[in-house]
C-alpha cells in the first residue's frame, strides 16, 4: 500500500510553509488526493518525485521515516563510493542508507545510483574480503545493509499501472547471489514494468514454466555465478529456445559468457544496469501512466 502524508508533514520535511505546499497542490505542482473525509493527502512517491526535480530538498527527512542527514556527503564519484564502502564495512546502516538515498534524491535514476555508487562499493568490499582485509562477517553484514537499502528505495517508487506489461526474472540455477536481481527488479519497476522477481538459484526448467505460464513480454536473467559450464549453458540454450515467441530476454552479470549465451537474436546482453534500463524502456506514454496519481 502506498504511504500517504499530510500537507503539514510534507511541508515540515522540505522546510516550507503549509500554505505554500497547499498552493502548489492546488496548482498541480504536487499531485494530491482527498480522503473520504475531504482531507488532502500526498503520496510518498509524489514527494520524492517533487524533491528529485531539484527545486527543494529534504531538511527533515526523518519526519517522513527517511534516514536523517549526517552532514555533507558526496553524491557521486569516487568519494561517494569510498564513503559508502567505509560505512558498510563499519556496519553503519543509517549512513549507508543516507549516502545511497542522497544520490537518488539528487536526481539520478536508480540504474545510475546502482552502477556508479552501490555496485562499485559492493565490489570493493568483496575484493577486501577475498584479500583477507575484511572479515567474513563484515562482508555478509554489508550484503544485508545493501539489501535493506534497496528495499527502502522500493517504497519510494510509484506503483506500476495495473495494465503495465509484466517482466519476470531472477538468477538461474547455482546462483544464490540476490542483490543483483533486486537491483534489476527496481530498475524495471522505475521504468514502469510490473516487475516480478522470481528469486535465486532457479532451475531452468522452472524458469521455462514461469515463462510459458505468464507469457511476459520481457524476461531477464542475472548471472553472477556459473557452476559446470557445459551443463549450465546447455540448459540455458534449451530455456531460450523454449521461450514464447513474444518474449524477449535480457541477460547480464559478471558470469555471463557472450559466446555461449548470446546465440539468439531475441537475447540482449546488458553490460550494466543503465544499458538494461535503455533496452527495457517503455514508450513514454506507458511510463507516464505508470507514475500518474489522482490530483
C-alpha atoms as a PDB file:
ATOM      1  CA  UNK A   1       0.000   0.000   0.000  1.00  0.00           C
ATOM      2  CA  UNK A   2       1.212   3.495  -0.796  1.00  0.00           C
ATOM      3  CA  UNK A   3       2.177   5.740   2.092  1.00  0.00           C
ATOM      4  CA  UNK A   4       0.031   8.870   2.339  1.00  0.00           C
ATOM      5  CA  UNK A   5       1.232  12.014   4.091  1.00  0.00           C
ATOM      6  CA  UNK A   6      -0.449  15.165   5.343  1.00  0.00           C
ATOM      7  CA  UNK A   7       0.495  18.581   3.899  1.00  0.00           C
ATOM      8  CA  UNK A   8       1.815  19.541   7.331  1.00  0.00           C
ATOM      9  CA  UNK A   9       4.223  16.571   7.351  1.00  0.00           C
ATOM     10  CA  UNK A  10       5.450  17.228   3.834  1.00  0.00           C
ATOM     11  CA  UNK A  11       5.867  20.979   4.378  1.00  0.00           C
ATOM     12  CA  UNK A  12       7.959  20.462   7.515  1.00  0.00           C
ATOM     13  CA  UNK A  13      10.107  17.818   5.819  1.00  0.00           C
ATOM     14  CA  UNK A  14      11.158  20.176   2.990  1.00  0.00           C
ATOM     15  CA  UNK A  15      11.246  23.369   5.052  1.00  0.00           C
ATOM     16  CA  UNK A  16       8.344  25.332   3.567  1.00  0.00           C
ATOM     17  CA  UNK A  17       5.083  26.654   4.966  1.00  0.00           C
ATOM     18  CA  UNK A  18       1.978  24.512   4.889  1.00  0.00           C
ATOM     19  CA  UNK A  19       0.131  27.244   2.993  1.00  0.00           C
ATOM     20  CA  UNK A  20       2.792  27.214   0.255  1.00  0.00           C
ATOM     21  CA  UNK A  21       2.537  23.484  -0.043  1.00  0.00           C
ATOM     22  CA  UNK A  22      -1.247  23.572  -0.334  1.00  0.00           C
ATOM     23  CA  UNK A  23      -0.964  26.251  -3.007  1.00  0.00           C
ATOM     24  CA  UNK A  24       1.393  24.010  -5.018  1.00  0.00           C
ATOM     25  CA  UNK A  25      -1.151  21.213  -4.688  1.00  0.00           C
ATOM     26  CA  UNK A  26      -3.894  23.497  -5.994  1.00  0.00           C
ATOM     27  CA  UNK A  27      -1.650  24.474  -8.921  1.00  0.00           C
ATOM     28  CA  UNK A  28      -0.869  20.832  -9.726  1.00  0.00           C
ATOM     29  CA  UNK A  29       2.841  21.227  -8.978  1.00  0.00           C
ATOM     30  CA  UNK A  30       2.461  18.491  -6.378  1.00  0.00           C
ATOM     31  CA  UNK A  31      -0.218  15.887  -7.042  1.00  0.00           C
ATOM     32  CA  UNK A  32      -2.503  15.133  -4.122  1.00  0.00           C
ATOM     33  CA  UNK A  33      -5.692  13.267  -3.375  1.00  0.00           C
ATOM     34  CA  UNK A  34      -8.556  13.580  -0.946  1.00  0.00           C
ATOM     35  CA  UNK A  35      -9.634  11.198   1.786  1.00  0.00           C
ATOM     36  CA  UNK A  36     -13.337  10.279   2.124  1.00  0.00           C
ATOM     37  CA  UNK A  37     -13.464  12.992   4.793  1.00  0.00           C
ATOM     38  CA  UNK A  38     -12.112  15.615   2.402  1.00  0.00           C
ATOM     39  CA  UNK A  39      -8.598  15.871   3.843  1.00  0.00           C
ATOM     40  CA  UNK A  40      -5.722  16.375   1.430  1.00  0.00           C
ATOM     41  CA  UNK A  41      -3.092  13.641   1.324  1.00  0.00           C
ATOM     42  CA  UNK A  42       0.121  13.313  -0.676  1.00  0.00           C
ATOM     43  CA  UNK A  43       1.759  10.020  -1.607  1.00  0.00           C
ATOM     44  CA  UNK A  44       5.346   9.457  -0.510  1.00  0.00           C
ATOM     45  CA  UNK A  45       6.486   8.711  -4.061  1.00  0.00           C
ATOM     46  CA  UNK A  46       4.996  12.044  -5.191  1.00  0.00           C
ATOM     47  CA  UNK A  47       7.017  13.897  -2.543  1.00  0.00           C
ATOM     48  CA  UNK A  48      10.142  12.095  -3.738  1.00  0.00           C
ATOM     49  CA  UNK A  49       9.336  12.999  -7.356  1.00  0.00           C
ATOM     50  CA  UNK A  50       8.983  16.665  -6.373  1.00  0.00           C
ATOM     51  CA  UNK A  51      12.277  16.709  -4.467  1.00  0.00           C
ATOM     52  CA  UNK A  52      14.102  14.972  -7.318  1.00  0.00           C
ATOM     53  CA  UNK A  53      13.096  17.806  -9.654  1.00  0.00           C
ATOM     54  CA  UNK A  54      15.680  19.877  -7.794  1.00  0.00           C
ATOM     55  CA  UNK A  55      13.831  22.978  -6.561  1.00  0.00           C
ATOM     56  CA  UNK A  56      13.603  21.792  -2.961  1.00  0.00           C
ATOM     57  CA  UNK A  57      15.455  19.313  -0.763  1.00  0.00           C
ATOM     58  CA  UNK A  58      14.594  17.472   2.410  1.00  0.00           C
ATOM     59  CA  UNK A  59      15.631  19.364   5.522  1.00  0.00           C
ATOM     60  CA  UNK A  60      13.883  16.951   7.920  1.00  0.00           C
ATOM     61  CA  UNK A  61      13.642  13.632   6.057  1.00  0.00           C
ATOM     62  CA  UNK A  62      13.252  11.863   9.377  1.00  0.00           C
ATOM     63  CA  UNK A  63       9.717  13.296   9.627  1.00  0.00           C
ATOM     64  CA  UNK A  64       8.766  11.020   6.720  1.00  0.00           C
ATOM     65  CA  UNK A  65      10.606   7.987   8.032  1.00  0.00           C
ATOM     66  CA  UNK A  66      13.666   8.578   5.838  1.00  0.00           C
ATOM     67  CA  UNK A  67      17.257   8.490   7.167  1.00  0.00           C
ATOM     68  CA  UNK A  68      18.231  11.727   8.884  1.00  0.00           C
ATOM     69  CA  UNK A  69      21.083  13.744   7.427  1.00  0.00           C
ATOM     70  CA  UNK A  70      24.531  13.015   8.813  1.00  0.00           C
ATOM     71  CA  UNK A  71      26.330  16.083   7.474  1.00  0.00           C
ATOM     72  CA  UNK A  72      27.582  16.874   3.960  1.00  0.00           C
ATOM     73  CA  UNK A  73      28.055  13.832   1.779  1.00  0.00           C
ATOM     74  CA  UNK A  74      29.194  13.272  -1.772  1.00  0.00           C
ATOM     75  CA  UNK A  75      26.502  12.321  -4.260  1.00  0.00           C
ATOM     76  CA  UNK A  76      28.635  10.549  -6.805  1.00  0.00           C
ATOM     77  CA  UNK A  77      32.100   9.641  -7.974  1.00  0.00           C
ATOM     78  CA  UNK A  78      34.976   8.002  -6.145  1.00  0.00           C
ATOM     79  CA  UNK A  79      34.329   9.914  -2.935  1.00  0.00           C
ATOM     80  CA  UNK A  80      30.771   8.627  -2.630  1.00  0.00           C
ATOM     81  CA  UNK A  81      31.921   5.056  -3.323  1.00  0.00           C
ATOM     82  CA  UNK A  82      34.679   5.330  -0.701  1.00  0.00           C
ATOM     83  CA  UNK A  83      32.258   6.757   1.860  1.00  0.00           C
ATOM     84  CA  UNK A  84      29.715   4.001   1.234  1.00  0.00           C
ATOM     85  CA  UNK A  85      32.397   1.328   1.318  1.00  0.00           C
ATOM     86  CA  UNK A  86      33.638   2.586   4.696  1.00  0.00           C
ATOM     87  CA  UNK A  87      30.102   2.887   6.088  1.00  0.00           C
ATOM     88  CA  UNK A  88      29.061  -0.675   5.237  1.00  0.00           C
ATOM     89  CA  UNK A  89      32.426  -2.054   6.376  1.00  0.00           C
ATOM     90  CA  UNK A  90      31.809  -0.411   9.754  1.00  0.00           C
ATOM     91  CA  UNK A  91      28.220  -1.647   9.879  1.00  0.00           C
ATOM     92  CA  UNK A  92      26.734   1.867   9.802  1.00  0.00           C
ATOM     93  CA  UNK A  93      23.426   1.096   8.110  1.00  0.00           C
ATOM     94  CA  UNK A  94      21.958   4.567   8.720  1.00  0.00           C
ATOM     95  CA  UNK A  95      24.824   6.361   6.986  1.00  0.00           C
ATOM     96  CA  UNK A  96      24.872   3.790   4.182  1.00  0.00           C
ATOM     97  CA  UNK A  97      21.177   4.357   3.502  1.00  0.00           C
ATOM     98  CA  UNK A  98      21.675   8.109   3.623  1.00  0.00           C
ATOM     99  CA  UNK A  99      24.506   8.037   1.075  1.00  0.00           C
ATOM    100  CA  UNK A 100      22.509   5.906  -1.360  1.00  0.00           C
ATOM    101  CA  UNK A 101      19.337   7.933  -0.867  1.00  0.00           C
ATOM    102  CA  UNK A 102      21.114  11.273  -1.334  1.00  0.00           C
ATOM    103  CA  UNK A 103      22.388  10.162  -4.720  1.00  0.00           C
ATOM    104  CA  UNK A 104      18.872   9.172  -5.771  1.00  0.00           C
ATOM    105  CA  UNK A 105      17.205  12.316  -4.398  1.00  0.00           C
ATOM    106  CA  UNK A 106      19.835  14.362  -6.207  1.00  0.00           C
ATOM    107  CA  UNK A 107      18.130  13.374  -9.458  1.00  0.00           C
ATOM    108  CA  UNK A 108      19.979  10.255 -10.598  1.00  0.00           C
ATOM    109  CA  UNK A 109      17.853   7.346 -11.772  1.00  0.00           C
ATOM    110  CA  UNK A 110      18.204   4.042  -9.962  1.00  0.00           C
ATOM    111  CA  UNK A 111      20.321   2.436 -12.683  1.00  0.00           C
ATOM    112  CA  UNK A 112      22.874   5.237 -12.283  1.00  0.00           C
ATOM    113  CA  UNK A 113      22.783   5.032  -8.479  1.00  0.00           C
ATOM    114  CA  UNK A 114      23.416   1.293  -8.629  1.00  0.00           C
ATOM    115  CA  UNK A 115      26.068   1.431 -11.363  1.00  0.00           C
ATOM    116  CA  UNK A 116      28.015   4.401 -10.010  1.00  0.00           C
ATOM    117  CA  UNK A 117      27.750   4.029  -6.232  1.00  0.00           C
ATOM    118  CA  UNK A 118      26.239   0.844  -4.843  1.00  0.00           C
ATOM    119  CA  UNK A 119      27.730  -1.766  -7.176  1.00  0.00           C
ATOM    120  CA  UNK A 120      31.309  -0.356  -7.026  1.00  0.00           C
ATOM    121  CA  UNK A 121      31.134  -0.267  -3.225  1.00  0.00           C
ATOM    122  CA  UNK A 122      29.854  -3.855  -3.178  1.00  0.00           C
ATOM    123  CA  UNK A 123      32.663  -4.908  -5.498  1.00  0.00           C
ATOM    124  CA  UNK A 124      35.276  -3.173  -3.344  1.00  0.00           C
ATOM    125  CA  UNK A 125      34.024  -4.878  -0.175  1.00  0.00           C
ATOM    126  CA  UNK A 126      34.121  -8.217  -1.976  1.00  0.00           C
ATOM    127  CA  UNK A 127      37.705  -7.644  -3.054  1.00  0.00           C
ATOM    128  CA  UNK A 128      38.691  -6.740   0.512  1.00  0.00           C
ATOM    129  CA  UNK A 129      37.147  -9.987   1.747  1.00  0.00           C
ATOM    130  CA  UNK A 130      38.910 -12.064  -0.921  1.00  0.00           C
ATOM    131  CA  UNK A 131      42.222 -10.438   0.034  1.00  0.00           C
ATOM    132  CA  UNK A 132      41.653 -11.045   3.744  1.00  0.00           C
ATOM    133  CA  UNK A 133      41.382  -7.332   4.521  1.00  0.00           C
ATOM    134  CA  UNK A 134      37.898  -7.687   5.995  1.00  0.00           C
ATOM    135  CA  UNK A 135      36.272 -10.455   7.986  1.00  0.00           C
ATOM    136  CA  UNK A 136      33.579 -12.748   6.633  1.00  0.00           C
ATOM    137  CA  UNK A 137      31.037 -11.206   8.990  1.00  0.00           C
ATOM    138  CA  UNK A 138      31.781  -7.756   7.567  1.00  0.00           C
ATOM    139  CA  UNK A 139      31.172  -8.912   4.006  1.00  0.00           C
ATOM    140  CA  UNK A 140      27.948 -10.686   4.979  1.00  0.00           C
ATOM    141  CA  UNK A 141      26.779  -7.693   7.003  1.00  0.00           C
ATOM    142  CA  UNK A 142      27.499  -5.429   4.037  1.00  0.00           C
ATOM    143  CA  UNK A 143      25.208  -7.568   1.884  1.00  0.00           C
ATOM    144  CA  UNK A 144      22.438  -7.241   4.469  1.00  0.00           C
ATOM    145  CA  UNK A 145      22.873  -3.454   4.614  1.00  0.00           C
ATOM    146  CA  UNK A 146      22.792  -3.152   0.840  1.00  0.00           C
ATOM    147  CA  UNK A 147      19.722  -5.361   0.656  1.00  0.00           C
ATOM    148  CA  UNK A 148      17.925  -3.233   3.243  1.00  0.00           C
ATOM    149  CA  UNK A 149      18.813  -0.039   1.368  1.00  0.00           C
ATOM    150  CA  UNK A 150      17.444  -1.478  -1.879  1.00  0.00           C
ATOM    151  CA  UNK A 151      14.237  -2.483  -0.103  1.00  0.00           C
ATOM    152  CA  UNK A 152      13.860   1.044   1.315  1.00  0.00           C
ATOM    153  CA  UNK A 153      14.267   2.551  -2.151  1.00  0.00           C
ATOM    154  CA  UNK A 154      11.421   0.424  -3.484  1.00  0.00           C
ATOM    155  CA  UNK A 155       8.844   2.110  -1.261  1.00  0.00           C
ATOM    156  CA  UNK A 156       9.772   5.467  -2.787  1.00  0.00           C
ATOM    157  CA  UNK A 157       8.754   4.381  -6.287  1.00  0.00           C
ATOM    158  CA  UNK A 158       5.261   4.913  -7.683  1.00  0.00           C
ATOM    159  CA  UNK A 159       3.395   1.646  -8.211  1.00  0.00           C
ATOM    160  CA  UNK A 160       3.190   0.498 -11.840  1.00  0.00           C
ATOM    161  CA  UNK A 161      -0.093   0.786 -13.653  1.00  0.00           C
ATOM    162  CA  UNK A 162      -2.385  -2.211 -13.293  1.00  0.00           C
ATOM    163  CA  UNK A 163      -2.211  -2.748 -17.047  1.00  0.00           C
ATOM    164  CA  UNK A 164       1.550  -2.233 -17.295  1.00  0.00           C
ATOM    165  CA  UNK A 165       3.446  -5.025 -19.081  1.00  0.00           C
ATOM    166  CA  UNK A 166       4.892  -7.737 -16.904  1.00  0.00           C
ATOM    167  CA  UNK A 167       8.600  -8.528 -16.594  1.00  0.00           C
ATOM    168  CA  UNK A 168       9.793 -11.740 -14.949  1.00  0.00           C
ATOM    169  CA  UNK A 169      13.281 -12.702 -13.918  1.00  0.00           C
ATOM    170  CA  UNK A 170      15.812 -13.806 -11.374  1.00  0.00           C
ATOM    171  CA  UNK A 171      19.044 -15.733 -11.005  1.00  0.00           C
ATOM    172  CA  UNK A 172      19.362 -19.182 -12.616  1.00  0.00           C
ATOM    173  CA  UNK A 173      20.437 -22.476 -11.074  1.00  0.00           C
ATOM    174  CA  UNK A 174      23.527 -22.432  -8.897  1.00  0.00           C
ATOM    175  CA  UNK A 175      23.430 -18.644  -8.458  1.00  0.00           C
ATOM    176  CA  UNK A 176      22.460 -17.630  -4.927  1.00  0.00           C
ATOM    177  CA  UNK A 177      23.551 -14.007  -5.316  1.00  0.00           C
ATOM    178  CA  UNK A 178      20.405 -11.959  -4.696  1.00  0.00           C
ATOM    179  CA  UNK A 179      21.443  -8.292  -4.643  1.00  0.00           C
ATOM    180  CA  UNK A 180      21.961  -8.005  -8.387  1.00  0.00           C
ATOM    181  CA  UNK A 181      18.478  -9.389  -9.029  1.00  0.00           C
ATOM    182  CA  UNK A 182      16.974  -6.954  -6.530  1.00  0.00           C
ATOM    183  CA  UNK A 183      18.601  -4.064  -8.373  1.00  0.00           C
ATOM    184  CA  UNK A 184      17.305  -5.236 -11.744  1.00  0.00           C
ATOM    185  CA  UNK A 185      13.820  -5.587 -10.275  1.00  0.00           C
ATOM    186  CA  UNK A 186      13.869  -1.966  -9.053  1.00  0.00           C
ATOM    187  CA  UNK A 187      15.260  -0.566 -12.300  1.00  0.00           C
ATOM    188  CA  UNK A 188      12.434  -2.229 -14.239  1.00  0.00           C
ATOM    189  CA  UNK A 189       9.849  -1.050 -11.705  1.00  0.00           C
ATOM    190  CA  UNK A 190      11.111   2.506 -12.065  1.00  0.00           C
ATOM    191  CA  UNK A 191      10.789   2.121 -15.844  1.00  0.00           C
ATOM    192  CA  UNK A 192       7.090   1.299 -15.453  1.00  0.00           C
ATOM    193  CA  UNK A 193       7.114  -2.504 -15.705  1.00  0.00           C
ATOM    194  CA  UNK A 194       5.158  -4.761 -13.374  1.00  0.00           C
ATOM    195  CA  UNK A 195       8.347  -6.499 -12.414  1.00  0.00           C
ATOM    196  CA  UNK A 196       8.192  -9.796 -10.552  1.00  0.00           C
ATOM    197  CA  UNK A 197      11.407 -11.087  -9.007  1.00  0.00           C
ATOM    198  CA  UNK A 198      11.184 -14.884  -9.033  1.00  0.00           C
ATOM    199  CA  UNK A 199      14.178 -15.486  -6.765  1.00  0.00           C
ATOM    200  CA  UNK A 200      17.622 -17.019  -6.993  1.00  0.00           C
ATOM    201  CA  UNK A 201      19.170 -20.377  -7.856  1.00  0.00           C
ATOM    202  CA  UNK A 202      16.166 -21.274 -10.017  1.00  0.00           C
ATOM    203  CA  UNK A 203      16.426 -24.349 -12.274  1.00  0.00           C
ATOM    204  CA  UNK A 204      15.993 -23.537 -15.939  1.00  0.00           C
ATOM    205  CA  UNK A 205      13.089 -25.990 -16.033  1.00  0.00           C
ATOM    206  CA  UNK A 206      11.033 -23.913 -13.600  1.00  0.00           C
ATOM    207  CA  UNK A 207      12.046 -20.680 -15.337  1.00  0.00           C
ATOM    208  CA  UNK A 208      10.613 -22.177 -18.521  1.00  0.00           C
ATOM    209  CA  UNK A 209       7.353 -22.991 -16.757  1.00  0.00           C
ATOM    210  CA  UNK A 210       7.106 -19.392 -15.499  1.00  0.00           C
ATOM    211  CA  UNK A 211       7.714 -18.024 -18.997  1.00  0.00           C
ATOM    212  CA  UNK A 212       5.101 -20.282 -20.577  1.00  0.00           C
ATOM    213  CA  UNK A 213       2.526 -19.686 -17.855  1.00  0.00           C
ATOM    214  CA  UNK A 214       2.768 -15.876 -17.787  1.00  0.00           C
ATOM    215  CA  UNK A 215       3.890 -15.147 -21.392  1.00  0.00           C
ATOM    216  CA  UNK A 216       5.770 -11.987 -20.335  1.00  0.00           C
ATOM    217  CA  UNK A 217       6.946  -9.521 -22.987  1.00  0.00           C
ATOM    218  CA  UNK A 218      10.219  -9.343 -21.052  1.00  0.00           C
ATOM    219  CA  UNK A 219      12.219 -11.982 -19.190  1.00  0.00           C
ATOM    220  CA  UNK A 220      15.591 -11.307 -17.590  1.00  0.00           C
ATOM    221  CA  UNK A 221      18.401 -13.312 -16.016  1.00  0.00           C
ATOM    222  CA  UNK A 222      21.118 -12.059 -13.688  1.00  0.00           C
ATOM    223  CA  UNK A 223      24.182 -14.315 -13.786  1.00  0.00           C
ATOM    224  CA  UNK A 224      26.754 -13.863 -11.044  1.00  0.00           C
ATOM    225  CA  UNK A 225      27.884 -17.495 -10.805  1.00  0.00           C
ATOM    226  CA  UNK A 226      28.023 -20.455 -13.176  1.00  0.00           C
ATOM    227  CA  UNK A 227      28.787 -23.967 -11.920  1.00  0.00           C
ATOM    228  CA  UNK A 228      29.631 -26.591 -14.503  1.00  0.00           C
ATOM    229  CA  UNK A 229      29.782 -24.511 -17.718  1.00  0.00           C
ATOM    230  CA  UNK A 230      28.894 -27.291 -20.133  1.00  0.00           C
ATOM    231  CA  UNK A 231      25.747 -28.316 -18.245  1.00  0.00           C
ATOM    232  CA  UNK A 232      24.740 -24.747 -17.438  1.00  0.00           C
ATOM    233  CA  UNK A 233      24.958 -23.366 -20.972  1.00  0.00           C
ATOM    234  CA  UNK A 234      23.261 -26.418 -22.436  1.00  0.00           C
ATOM    235  CA  UNK A 235      20.273 -25.917 -20.139  1.00  0.00           C
ATOM    236  CA  UNK A 236      20.360 -22.174 -20.784  1.00  0.00           C
ATOM    237  CA  UNK A 237      20.112 -22.694 -24.543  1.00  0.00           C
ATOM    238  CA  UNK A 238      17.174 -25.041 -24.031  1.00  0.00           C
ATOM    239  CA  UNK A 239      15.480 -22.366 -21.924  1.00  0.00           C
ATOM    240  CA  UNK A 240      15.982 -19.692 -24.596  1.00  0.00           C
ATOM    241  CA  UNK A 241      14.724 -21.948 -27.377  1.00  0.00           C
ATOM    242  CA  UNK A 242      11.573 -22.694 -25.380  1.00  0.00           C
ATOM    243  CA  UNK A 243      10.648 -19.061 -24.652  1.00  0.00           C
ATOM    244  CA  UNK A 244       7.314 -17.857 -26.020  1.00  0.00           C
ATOM    245  CA  UNK A 245       7.639 -16.150 -29.391  1.00  0.00           C
ATOM    246  CA  UNK A 246       6.519 -12.835 -27.889  1.00  0.00           C
ATOM    247  CA  UNK A 247       9.106 -12.864 -25.092  1.00  0.00           C
ATOM    248  CA  UNK A 248      12.490 -11.202 -25.358  1.00  0.00           C
ATOM    249  CA  UNK A 249      15.315 -11.986 -22.960  1.00  0.00           C
ATOM    250  CA  UNK A 250      17.679  -9.534 -21.279  1.00  0.00           C
ATOM    251  CA  UNK A 251      20.758 -11.069 -19.655  1.00  0.00           C
ATOM    252  CA  UNK A 252      23.699  -9.706 -17.719  1.00  0.00           C
ATOM    253  CA  UNK A 253      26.043 -10.255 -14.817  1.00  0.00           C
ATOM    254  CA  UNK A 254      29.718 -10.925 -14.325  1.00  0.00           C
ATOM    255  CA  UNK A 255      29.326 -14.658 -15.072  1.00  0.00           C
ATOM    256  CA  UNK A 256      27.611 -14.198 -18.426  1.00  0.00           C
ATOM    257  CA  UNK A 257      29.589 -15.554 -21.368  1.00  0.00           C
ATOM    258  CA  UNK A 258      28.553 -13.765 -24.550  1.00  0.00           C
ATOM    259  CA  UNK A 259      29.995 -16.505 -26.748  1.00  0.00           C
ATOM    260  CA  UNK A 260      27.968 -19.214 -25.005  1.00  0.00           C
ATOM    261  CA  UNK A 261      24.874 -17.218 -24.120  1.00  0.00           C
ATOM    262  CA  UNK A 262      24.033 -14.673 -26.831  1.00  0.00           C
ATOM    263  CA  UNK A 263      23.174 -17.111 -29.608  1.00  0.00           C
ATOM    264  CA  UNK A 264      19.653 -15.863 -30.377  1.00  0.00           C
ATOM    265  CA  UNK A 265      18.504 -12.575 -31.849  1.00  0.00           C
ATOM    266  CA  UNK A 266      15.958 -12.366 -29.017  1.00  0.00           C
ATOM    267  CA  UNK A 267      18.762 -12.314 -26.416  1.00  0.00           C
ATOM    268  CA  UNK A 268      20.137  -8.907 -25.460  1.00  0.00           C
ATOM    269  CA  UNK A 269      23.235  -8.646 -23.307  1.00  0.00           C
ATOM    270  CA  UNK A 270      23.302  -5.729 -20.843  1.00  0.00           C
ATOM    271  CA  UNK A 271      26.749  -4.809 -19.598  1.00  0.00           C
ATOM    272  CA  UNK A 272      25.324  -2.690 -16.789  1.00  0.00           C
ATOM    273  CA  UNK A 273      22.015  -1.537 -15.375  1.00  0.00           C
ATOM    274  CA  UNK A 274      21.942   1.663 -17.401  1.00  0.00           C
ATOM    275  CA  UNK A 275      22.094  -0.458 -20.539  1.00  0.00           C
ATOM    276  CA  UNK A 276      19.289  -2.612 -19.181  1.00  0.00           C
ATOM    277  CA  UNK A 277      17.193   0.498 -18.474  1.00  0.00           C
ATOM    278  CA  UNK A 278      17.654   1.685 -22.053  1.00  0.00           C
ATOM    279  CA  UNK A 279      16.868  -1.703 -23.570  1.00  0.00           C
ATOM    280  CA  UNK A 280      13.793  -2.126 -21.370  1.00  0.00           C
ATOM    281  CA  UNK A 281      12.458   1.412 -21.833  1.00  0.00           C
ATOM    282  CA  UNK A 282       8.707   1.577 -22.347  1.00  0.00           C
ATOM    283  CA  UNK A 283       7.014   4.114 -24.635  1.00  0.00           C
ATOM    284  CA  UNK A 284       6.802   7.488 -22.911  1.00  0.00           C
ATOM    285  CA  UNK A 285       3.009   7.293 -22.657  1.00  0.00           C
ATOM    286  CA  UNK A 286       3.142   3.977 -20.779  1.00  0.00           C
ATOM    287  CA  UNK A 287       5.807   5.198 -18.359  1.00  0.00           C
ATOM    288  CA  UNK A 288       3.875   8.393 -17.667  1.00  0.00           C
ATOM    289  CA  UNK A 289       0.676   6.475 -16.968  1.00  0.00           C
ATOM    290  CA  UNK A 290       2.514   4.187 -14.531  1.00  0.00           C
ATOM    291  CA  UNK A 291       3.523   7.131 -12.380  1.00  0.00           C
ATOM    292  CA  UNK A 292       0.279   9.098 -12.657  1.00  0.00           C
ATOM    293  CA  UNK A 293      -1.648   9.939  -9.484  1.00  0.00           C
ATOM    294  CA  UNK A 294      -5.114  11.282  -8.941  1.00  0.00           C
ATOM    295  CA  UNK A 295      -4.991  15.024  -8.457  1.00  0.00           C
END
